[in-house]
C-alpha atoms as a PDB file:
ATOM      1  CA  MET A   1     136.962  97.860 129.220  1.00  0.00           C
ATOM      2  CA  ALA A   2     134.362 100.133 127.664  1.00  0.00           C
ATOM      3  CA  VAL A   3     132.370  98.975 124.706  1.00  0.00           C
ATOM      4  CA  ARG A   4     131.704 101.553 122.038  1.00  0.00           C
ATOM      5  CA  ARG A   5     128.377 101.243 120.399  1.00  0.00           C
ATOM      6  CA  SER A   6     127.898 102.715 117.032  1.00  0.00           C
ATOM      7  CA  ARG A   7     124.924 104.968 116.674  1.00  0.00           C
ATOM      8  CA  PRO A   8     122.410 103.737 114.172  1.00  0.00           C
ATOM      9  CA  GLU A   9     121.625 106.214 111.453  1.00  0.00           C
ATOM     10  CA  PRO A  10     118.264 107.864 111.957  1.00  0.00           C
ATOM     11  CA  ALA A  11     115.587 106.536 109.670  1.00  0.00           C
ATOM     12  CA  LYS A  12     114.608 108.801 106.819  1.00  0.00           C
ATOM     13  CA  PRO A  13     111.047 110.081 107.102  1.00  0.00           C
ATOM     14  CA  PHE A  14     108.364 108.762 104.793  1.00  0.00           C
ATOM     15  CA  VAL A  15     106.871 112.202 104.270  1.00  0.00           C
ATOM     16  CA  THR A  16     109.255 114.360 102.280  1.00  0.00           C
ATOM     17  CA  ARG A  17     108.787 116.996  99.627  1.00  0.00           C
ATOM     18  CA  ARG A  18     109.646 114.461  96.939  1.00  0.00           C
ATOM     19  CA  SER A  19     107.219 111.791  98.197  1.00  0.00           C
ATOM     20  CA  THR A  20     104.458 114.393  98.443  1.00  0.00           C
ATOM     21  CA  LEU A  21     105.030 115.431  94.833  1.00  0.00           C
ATOM     22  CA  VAL A  22     105.077 111.789  93.697  1.00  0.00           C
ATOM     23  CA  PHE A  23     101.796 110.941  95.435  1.00  0.00           C
ATOM     24  CA  SER A  24     100.210 114.087  94.002  1.00  0.00           C
ATOM     25  CA  ALA A  25     101.383 113.167  90.498  1.00  0.00           C
ATOM     26  CA  VAL A  26     100.021 109.622  90.861  1.00  0.00           C
ATOM     27  CA  CYS A  27      96.676 111.035  92.004  1.00  0.00           C
ATOM     28  CA  VAL A  28      96.444 113.407  89.046  1.00  0.00           C
ATOM     29  CA  LEU A  29      97.529 110.774  86.496  1.00  0.00           C
ATOM     30  CA  THR A  30      95.145 108.081  87.725  1.00  0.00           C
ATOM     31  CA  SER A  31      92.300 110.613  87.900  1.00  0.00           C
ATOM     32  CA  ALA A  32      93.006 111.613  84.309  1.00  0.00           C
ATOM     33  CA  GLY A  33      93.164 107.947  83.316  1.00  0.00           C
ATOM     34  CA  PHE A  34      89.837 107.273  85.002  1.00  0.00           C
ATOM     35  CA  GLN A  35      88.242 110.193  83.189  1.00  0.00           C
ATOM     36  CA  ALA A  36      89.653 109.049  79.854  1.00  0.00           C
ATOM     37  CA  VAL A  37      88.527 105.457  80.368  1.00  0.00           C
ATOM     38  CA  GLY A  38      85.167 106.503  81.759  1.00  0.00           C
ATOM     39  CA  ALA A  39      84.564 108.771  78.781  1.00  0.00           C
ATOM     40  CA  THR A  40      84.972 105.925  76.310  1.00  0.00           C
ATOM     41  CA  GLY A  41      82.695 103.569  78.214  1.00  0.00           C
ATOM     42  CA  GLY A  42      83.060 100.905  75.572  1.00  0.00           C
ATOM     43  CA  PRO A  43      82.516  97.189  76.088  1.00  0.00           C
ATOM     44  CA  GLY A  44      86.277  96.573  76.343  1.00  0.00           C
ATOM     45  CA  VAL A  45      86.526  98.573  79.576  1.00  0.00           C
ATOM     46  CA  THR A  46      86.179  96.313  82.579  1.00  0.00           C
ATOM     47  CA  ASN A  47      84.683  97.468  85.815  1.00  0.00           C
ATOM     48  CA  LEU A  48      87.685  96.078  87.672  1.00  0.00           C
ATOM     49  CA  PHE A  49      90.098  98.344  85.787  1.00  0.00           C
ATOM     50  CA  VAL A  50      87.951 101.392  86.511  1.00  0.00           C
ATOM     51  CA  ALA A  51      87.694 100.394  90.181  1.00  0.00           C
ATOM     52  CA  VAL A  52      91.481 100.047  90.458  1.00  0.00           C
ATOM     53  CA  LEU A  53      91.999 103.474  88.906  1.00  0.00           C
ATOM     54  CA  VAL A  54      89.514 105.048  91.308  1.00  0.00           C
ATOM     55  CA  ALA A  55      91.050 103.281  94.304  1.00  0.00           C
ATOM     56  CA  VAL A  56      94.595 104.338  93.399  1.00  0.00           C
ATOM     57  CA  ALA A  57      93.451 107.935  92.850  1.00  0.00           C
ATOM     58  CA  LEU A  58      91.644 108.071  96.198  1.00  0.00           C
ATOM     59  CA  VAL A  59      94.463 106.492  98.208  1.00  0.00           C
ATOM     60  CA  SER A  60      97.235 108.531  96.618  1.00  0.00           C
ATOM     61  CA  GLY A  61      95.168 111.702  96.970  1.00  0.00           C
ATOM     62  CA  GLY A  62      94.615 110.975 100.654  1.00  0.00           C
ATOM     63  CA  VAL A  63      98.293 110.275 101.250  1.00  0.00           C
ATOM     64  CA  ALA A  64      99.243 113.462  99.365  1.00  0.00           C
ATOM     65  CA  TRP A  65      96.791 115.502 101.417  1.00  0.00           C
ATOM     66  CA  ILE A  66      98.124 114.154 104.727  1.00  0.00           C
ATOM     67  CA  SER A  67     101.705 114.603 103.516  1.00  0.00           C
ATOM     68  CA  GLY A  68     101.021 118.258 102.739  1.00  0.00           C
ATOM     69  CA  VAL A  69      99.645 118.780 106.238  1.00  0.00           C
ATOM     70  CA  VAL A  70     102.658 117.027 107.780  1.00  0.00           C
ATOM     71  CA  LEU A  71     105.066 119.215 105.812  1.00  0.00           C
ATOM     72  CA  ALA A  72     103.220 122.355 106.906  1.00  0.00           C
ATOM     73  CA  VAL A  73     103.155 121.303 110.558  1.00  0.00           C
ATOM     74  CA  ARG A  74     106.874 120.467 110.440  1.00  0.00           C
ATOM     75  CA  ALA A  75     107.546 123.969 109.104  1.00  0.00           C
ATOM     76  CA  GLY A  76     105.679 125.431 112.065  1.00  0.00           C
ATOM     77  CA  SER A  77     103.608 127.790 109.946  1.00  0.00           C
ATOM     78  CA  LEU A  78      99.948 128.260 110.779  1.00  0.00           C
ATOM     79  CA  LEU A  79      99.221 129.796 107.371  1.00  0.00           C
ATOM     80  CA  TRP A  80     100.660 126.812 105.503  1.00  0.00           C
ATOM     81  CA  THR A  81      98.861 124.397 107.818  1.00  0.00           C
ATOM     82  CA  VAL A  82      95.536 126.056 106.956  1.00  0.00           C
ATOM     83  CA  ILE A  83      96.398 125.951 103.243  1.00  0.00           C
ATOM     84  CA  ALA A  84      97.376 122.278 103.496  1.00  0.00           C
ATOM     85  CA  ALA A  85      94.255 121.328 105.443  1.00  0.00           C
ATOM     86  CA  PHE A  86      91.950 122.777 102.788  1.00  0.00           C
ATOM     87  CA  PRO A  87      90.448 119.716 101.010  1.00  0.00           C
ATOM     88  CA  ILE A  88      91.919 119.932  97.514  1.00  0.00           C
ATOM     89  CA  PRO A  89      94.461 117.090  97.827  1.00  0.00           C
ATOM     90  CA  PRO A  90      96.743 117.288  94.818  1.00  0.00           C
ATOM     91  CA  LEU A  91      96.824 121.066  94.558  1.00  0.00           C
ATOM     92  CA  ASN A  92      97.413 122.029  98.174  1.00  0.00           C
ATOM     93  CA  ALA A  93      99.948 119.235  98.693  1.00  0.00           C
ATOM     94  CA  VAL A  94     101.965 120.432  95.701  1.00  0.00           C
ATOM     95  CA  LEU A  95     101.797 124.013  96.952  1.00  0.00           C
ATOM     96  CA  CYS A  96     103.098 122.944 100.355  1.00  0.00           C
ATOM     97  CA  ALA A  97     105.823 120.756  98.897  1.00  0.00           C
ATOM     98  CA  VAL A  98     107.093 123.480  96.589  1.00  0.00           C
ATOM     99  CA  PHE A  99     106.567 126.739  98.487  1.00  0.00           C
ATOM    100  CA  CYS A 100     106.289 125.906 102.198  1.00  0.00           C
ATOM    101  CA  PRO A 101     109.397 126.862 104.193  1.00  0.00           C
ATOM    102  CA  ALA A 102     111.611 123.993 105.306  1.00  0.00           C
ATOM    103  CA  GLY A 103     111.157 122.703 108.820  1.00  0.00           C
ATOM    104  CA  PRO A 104     114.035 122.333 111.277  1.00  0.00           C
ATOM    105  CA  ALA A 105     114.638 118.684 110.309  1.00  0.00           C
ATOM    106  CA  GLU A 106     114.949 119.543 106.606  1.00  0.00           C
ATOM    107  CA  GLN A 107     117.411 122.412 107.078  1.00  0.00           C
ATOM    108  CA  ARG A 108     120.388 120.205 107.888  1.00  0.00           C
END
């Protein structure tokens, strides 16, 4: 008697066009928030709040940058990989997420 095993569904990748756009948006918004809070510089602004904004901007910018590179490598395009590797995290990640051709895994 043969036992049929069901195939588990493949896990969805963490790096997608949507996640890249979300991390880029978070980076831009927290950077803008840091600049707005830093410009006021009043006594009500705590150093902890500013530090959290900076940390979130740096981490989300780094994740967006790496996500853009991953999308470009998946597409197999050397031009888009060079564009993604250029160190302007929110901008180049958004460019790759919007304009980079879809890789073989995304074309299904």
